Amino acid sequence: MRTQKSSASSEINIPVRKNIGLPSGFTLIELLVVIAIIALLMSILMPALQRVKKQARSVACRANLRQWGTIFSIYMQDNEGYFAYGDSSGRWRWLLQDQHRDRMLSSYCPEAANPDRNSGTYGAWGGESLDDDYVMQIDYGSYGVNRWMYNRKDNQTSKNYFRGYNVRSTNQIPLFLDCSWYGGGPLDIDYPPEDEGHTDSGTGDWRGDNMRRFCLNRHGAAMNGVFLDFSVRRLGLKELWTLKWHRNYNTTGIWTKAGGVRTSDWPQWMRSFKDY
């Protein structure tokens, strides 16, 4: 009997599984490239983000001033269109207490976080217990009133006071603005700050180079203010000299284009700002 044998030549094809490993990680060079790209993007985006933040703070500042404009309006409406006598009879924060109950109401510009008037542009006044000014000892803020708004008629400069809102061109009369002090009375001959953050009048009087108190570069060559028509707007720093600060203020004075000022006449830090 013949025995059948398996063919030795028969081949059985057994599939061979390939060893598939995990994906390899980044190389050092790839990581460095990624980090460099991120750093580049950050360097491009950060200035833009800072600008957006500053714009947002400027908008918040104007919102604060709109609230104060409403309060000033209510006060004068309650007093037949007149503002307060001023000075010794009280400051604007005290005068307006009946119109607002919250003493913390938006008294700081968002760009002025430092409660120290000596810090200039971004400083706020008040909270200095050793200051010889009694208002500074008990009050605080980073806005100030145009002191020519007071209802004064008993001294040699009384002809300059507006006294209230029953006057013409109220949209050109500054009422309440970004300020390094709680108020000031600018004159058309006031000198600009010698450098950014220079707010000292040098005279100690509220009618001597007081424009420096308002000429604060808080909002990109500009500051914010409320006018006597209670509108709020952004103001170029050189524009301040063109506003009607008091009844006899010359709006075409020596620091205006109409008055013949040249770019080279301004302090170095202001020369690139828009002229008015």
Protein backbone atom coordinates (compact mmCIF):
# COMPACT_ATOMS: atom_id res chain seq x y z
CA MET A 1 0.00 0.00 0.00
CA ARG A 2 1.33 3.20 -1.00
CA THR A 3 1.64 5.89 1.69
CA GLN A 4 0.90 9.46 0.77
CA LYS A 5 3.45 11.91 2.10
CA SER A 6 2.95 15.59 2.59
CA SER A 7 4.84 17.57 0.12
CA ALA A 8 7.87 19.11 1.79
CA SER A 9 7.89 21.65 -0.89
CA SER A 10 4.48 22.98 0.19
CA GLU A 11 4.81 26.40 1.62
CA ILE A 12 2.50 27.92 4.19
CA ASN A 13 2.32 31.73 3.93
CA ILE A 14 2.09 33.09 7.50
CA PRO A 15 1.48 36.84 7.61
CA VAL A 16 4.16 38.70 9.49
CA ARG A 17 2.91 41.61 11.68
CA LYS A 18 5.00 44.71 11.31
CA ASN A 19 6.08 46.45 14.47
CA ILE A 20 4.43 49.88 14.42
CA GLY A 21 5.92 52.12 17.07
CA LEU A 22 4.44 55.30 18.65
CA PRO A 23 4.97 58.59 16.81
CA SER A 24 8.30 60.09 17.64
CA GLY A 25 8.36 63.41 19.69
CA PHE A 26 9.47 66.84 18.52
CA THR A 27 13.11 67.31 17.98
CA LEU A 28 14.90 70.10 19.85
CA ILE A 29 15.12 72.15 16.68
CA GLU A 30 11.37 71.83 16.08
CA LEU A 31 10.65 72.96 19.63
CA LEU A 32 12.92 75.95 19.24
CA VAL A 33 11.19 76.89 16.00
CA VAL A 34 7.75 76.69 17.67
CA ILE A 35 8.96 78.80 20.60
CA ALA A 36 10.44 81.37 18.22
CA ILE A 37 7.15 81.60 16.30
CA ILE A 38 5.17 82.06 19.53
CA ALA A 39 7.59 84.76 20.70
CA LEU A 40 7.27 86.53 17.34
CA LEU A 41 3.47 86.44 17.50
CA MET A 42 3.52 87.77 21.06
CA SER A 43 5.83 90.63 20.09
CA ILE A 44 3.38 91.54 17.32
CA LEU A 45 0.21 91.16 19.38
CA MET A 46 1.29 92.69 22.72
CA PRO A 47 1.51 96.31 21.49
CA ALA A 48 -1.88 95.90 19.85
CA LEU A 49 -3.33 94.48 23.08
CA GLN A 50 -1.83 97.35 25.07
CA ARG A 51 -3.42 99.84 22.68
CA VAL A 52 -6.78 98.12 23.04
CA LYS A 53 -6.46 98.23 26.84
CA LYS A 54 -5.59 101.92 26.79
CA GLN A 55 -8.53 102.63 24.48
CA ALA A 56 -10.82 100.71 26.83
CA ARG A 57 -9.55 102.72 29.81
CA SER A 58 -10.09 105.95 27.88
CA VAL A 59 -13.67 104.92 27.11
CA ALA A 60 -14.20 104.08 30.80
CA CYS A 61 -12.81 107.51 31.72
CA ARG A 62 -15.32 109.24 29.46
CA ALA A 63 -18.10 107.12 30.98
CA ASN A 64 -17.00 108.34 34.44
CA LEU A 65 -17.09 111.93 33.23
CA ARG A 66 -20.57 111.53 31.75
CA GLN A 67 -21.80 110.53 35.20
CA TRP A 68 -20.15 113.57 36.74
CA GLY A 69 -21.55 115.79 33.98
CA THR A 70 -25.04 114.62 34.91
CA ILE A 71 -24.36 115.40 38.57
CA PHE A 72 -23.07 118.90 37.78
CA SER A 73 -26.15 119.45 35.59
CA ILE A 74 -28.53 118.43 38.37
CA TYR A 75 -26.73 120.67 40.86
CA MET A 76 -27.00 123.75 38.62
CA GLN A 77 -30.61 123.01 37.69
CA ASP A 78 -31.41 122.92 41.40
CA ASN A 79 -29.67 126.30 41.81
CA GLU A 80 -31.28 128.29 38.97
CA GLY A 81 -28.45 127.52 36.57
CA TYR A 82 -25.65 128.66 38.89
CA PHE A 83 -22.69 126.77 40.29
CA ALA A 84 -21.39 127.17 43.83
CA TYR A 85 -19.53 130.14 45.25
CA GLY A 86 -16.45 127.93 45.44
CA ASP A 87 -13.17 127.76 47.30
CA SER A 88 -13.79 128.19 51.03
CA SER A 89 -17.45 127.12 50.77
CA GLY A 90 -16.40 123.64 49.75
CA ARG A 91 -14.91 121.59 46.91
CA TRP A 92 -16.84 119.93 44.10
CA ARG A 93 -16.89 116.54 45.84
CA TRP A 94 -18.53 118.05 48.91
CA LEU A 95 -20.79 120.41 46.98
CA LEU A 96 -22.27 117.59 44.92
CA GLN A 97 -22.91 115.13 47.74
CA ASP A 98 -26.68 115.62 47.60
CA GLN A 99 -26.63 114.64 43.90
CA HIS A 100 -24.68 111.43 44.53
CA ARG A 101 -24.59 109.23 47.60
CA ASP A 102 -21.55 107.15 46.80
CA ARG A 103 -18.33 108.98 47.72
CA MET A 104 -16.39 106.47 45.62
CA LEU A 105 -18.33 107.34 42.45
CA SER A 106 -15.86 107.21 39.58
CA SER A 107 -13.49 109.71 41.13
CA TYR A 108 -10.46 108.22 39.37
CA CYS A 109 -9.60 108.05 35.70
CA PRO A 110 -8.73 104.38 35.01
CA GLU A 111 -5.32 105.53 33.81
CA ALA A 112 -4.61 107.27 37.11
CA ALA A 113 -4.28 104.45 39.59
CA ASN A 114 -1.54 105.92 41.74
CA PRO A 115 -2.94 108.01 44.63
CA ASP A 116 0.05 110.33 44.67
CA ARG A 117 -0.13 113.70 42.91
CA ASN A 118 3.65 113.81 42.64
CA SER A 119 3.60 110.97 40.11
CA GLY A 120 2.42 113.38 37.41
CA THR A 121 0.52 112.16 34.37
CA TYR A 122 -0.78 108.91 35.85
CA GLY A 123 -1.08 110.11 39.43
CA ALA A 124 -4.10 111.03 41.47
CA TRP A 125 -4.41 113.66 44.16
CA GLY A 126 -5.41 113.11 47.76
CA GLY A 127 -4.82 110.66 50.56
CA GLU A 128 -1.72 112.42 51.82
CA SER A 129 -2.23 112.84 55.56
CA LEU A 130 0.81 115.09 55.92
CA ASP A 131 -0.09 117.44 53.09
CA ASP A 132 -0.68 121.03 54.20
CA ASP A 133 -3.80 121.30 52.04
CA TYR A 134 -6.77 120.15 54.11
CA VAL A 135 -8.65 118.92 51.05
CA MET A 136 -5.74 116.63 50.20
CA GLN A 137 -5.92 115.15 53.68
CA ILE A 138 -9.49 113.92 53.44
CA ASP A 139 -10.37 113.66 49.76
CA TYR A 140 -9.02 112.03 46.60
CA GLY A 141 -9.50 111.82 42.85
CA SER A 142 -7.90 112.35 39.46
CA TYR A 143 -10.37 114.84 37.98
CA GLY A 144 -10.57 118.58 38.55
CA VAL A 145 -13.04 121.41 38.01
CA ASN A 146 -12.44 124.54 35.94
CA ARG A 147 -12.42 127.02 38.82
CA TRP A 148 -13.63 129.83 36.55
CA MET A 149 -17.00 128.08 36.83
CA TYR A 150 -17.54 129.26 40.40
CA ASN A 151 -20.24 131.80 41.15
CA ARG A 152 -17.83 134.52 42.28
CA LYS A 153 -18.51 138.26 41.96
CA ASP A 154 -16.67 139.88 44.82
CA ASN A 155 -13.05 140.25 43.72
CA GLN A 156 -10.92 141.84 41.01
CA THR A 157 -11.22 138.86 38.67
CA SER A 158 -14.99 138.41 39.11
CA LYS A 159 -15.59 139.51 35.50
CA ASN A 160 -13.92 136.28 34.36
CA TYR A 161 -16.21 133.84 36.18
CA PHE A 162 -18.96 132.08 34.26
CA ARG A 163 -20.97 131.47 37.46
CA GLY A 164 -23.23 128.91 35.77
CA TYR A 165 -24.49 127.53 32.49
CA ASN A 166 -26.58 130.55 31.40
CA VAL A 167 -23.91 131.68 28.94
CA ARG A 168 -23.16 131.28 25.23
CA SER A 169 -21.02 128.62 23.53
CA THR A 170 -21.28 126.18 26.40
CA ASN A 171 -19.83 123.45 24.16
CA GLN A 172 -16.49 125.30 24.21
CA ILE A 173 -16.34 125.94 27.97
CA PRO A 174 -14.48 123.25 29.96
CA LEU A 175 -16.22 122.21 33.16
CA PHE A 176 -14.61 119.08 34.60
CA LEU A 177 -11.57 117.24 33.24
CA ASP A 178 -8.61 114.92 33.78
CA CYS A 179 -6.52 116.83 36.30
CA SER A 180 -3.55 116.39 38.63
CA TRP A 181 -5.29 118.55 41.27
CA TYR A 182 -8.91 119.07 42.34
CA GLY A 183 -9.15 122.15 40.14
CA GLY A 184 -7.40 125.01 38.41
CA GLY A 185 -7.99 128.28 36.60
CA PRO A 186 -6.01 128.33 33.33
CA LEU A 187 -5.04 131.56 31.58
CA ASP A 188 -4.32 132.01 27.87
CA ILE A 189 -0.68 132.92 28.66
CA ASP A 190 -0.03 129.76 30.71
CA TYR A 191 3.08 127.85 29.72
CA PRO A 192 2.86 124.15 28.78
CA PRO A 193 4.53 121.51 30.98
CA GLU A 194 8.31 121.47 30.55
CA ASP A 195 8.23 117.68 30.33
CA GLU A 196 5.63 114.94 30.52
CA GLY A 197 4.25 114.75 34.04
CA HIS A 198 5.33 118.28 34.99
CA THR A 199 2.22 119.57 36.77
CA ASP A 200 3.68 122.12 39.20
CA SER A 201 2.62 125.68 38.42
CA GLY A 202 5.61 127.02 40.30
CA THR A 203 3.54 129.85 41.78
CA GLY A 204 1.44 127.94 44.29
CA ASP A 205 -1.56 129.95 43.07
CA TRP A 206 -4.52 128.44 41.23
CA ARG A 207 -4.25 131.11 38.53
CA GLY A 208 -0.60 130.65 37.59
CA ASP A 209 0.38 128.17 34.83
CA ASN A 210 -2.58 126.04 35.86
CA MET A 211 -2.93 124.62 32.36
CA ARG A 212 -0.19 122.21 33.43
CA ARG A 213 -2.63 120.60 35.84
CA PHE A 214 -4.88 119.63 32.93
CA CYS A 215 -2.25 119.01 30.24
CA LEU A 216 -1.86 115.30 31.05
CA ASN A 217 -0.88 112.74 28.42
CA ARG A 218 -3.18 110.04 29.80
CA HIS A 219 -4.93 109.07 26.58
CA GLY A 220 -2.42 109.20 23.75
CA ALA A 221 -1.53 112.90 23.30
CA ALA A 222 -4.98 113.66 24.68
CA MET A 223 -7.12 113.89 27.80
CA ASN A 224 -10.87 113.78 28.49
CA GLY A 225 -13.26 116.45 29.67
CA VAL A 226 -16.87 117.49 30.29
CA PHE A 227 -18.05 120.79 28.82
CA LEU A 228 -20.65 123.21 30.13
CA ASP A 229 -23.26 121.76 27.77
CA PHE A 230 -22.48 118.49 29.66
CA SER A 231 -21.08 116.79 26.58
CA VAL A 232 -17.93 114.68 26.97
CA ARG A 233 -15.10 114.44 24.50
CA ARG A 234 -11.45 113.60 23.98
CA LEU A 235 -9.17 116.64 23.75
CA GLY A 236 -5.78 116.98 22.12
CA LEU A 237 -3.30 118.42 24.60
CA LYS A 238 -2.48 121.46 22.45
CA GLU A 239 -6.21 121.97 21.93
CA LEU A 240 -6.54 122.99 25.58
CA TRP A 241 -5.23 126.49 24.80
CA THR A 242 -8.04 127.04 22.27
CA LEU A 243 -10.92 126.45 24.72
CA LYS A 244 -12.93 129.17 26.46
CA TRP A 245 -11.68 128.70 30.02
CA HIS A 246 -13.12 132.00 31.33
CA ARG A 247 -15.26 134.85 30.00
CA ASN A 248 -12.32 136.92 28.77
CA TYR A 249 -10.01 134.09 27.80
CA ASN A 250 -8.31 134.67 24.42
CA THR A 251 -8.90 131.53 22.36
CA THR A 252 -6.41 132.72 19.75
CA GLY A 253 -3.61 133.37 22.21
CA ILE A 254 0.13 132.85 21.88
CA TRP A 255 -0.11 129.05 22.21
CA THR A 256 -2.51 128.57 19.29
CA LYS A 257 -1.95 128.35 15.53
CA ALA A 258 -4.08 131.47 15.11
CA GLY A 259 -1.82 133.24 17.59
CA GLY A 260 1.32 132.29 15.64
CA VAL A 261 2.76 129.48 17.75
CA ARG A 262 5.33 127.31 15.96
CA THR A 263 6.02 123.64 16.51
CA SER A 264 9.49 124.51 17.79
CA ASP A 265 7.93 126.73 20.49
CA TRP A 266 6.48 123.73 22.29
CA PRO A 267 8.49 121.61 24.73
CA GLN A 268 10.23 118.70 23.00
CA TRP A 269 7.82 116.07 24.33
CA MET A 270 4.82 117.87 22.77
CA ARG A 271 6.20 118.83 19.36
CA SER A 272 4.88 115.75 17.55
CA PHE A 273 1.33 116.28 18.86
CA LYS A 274 -1.41 117.68 16.64
CA ASP A 275 -1.49 121.49 16.43
CA TYR A 276 -4.63 123.57 16.94
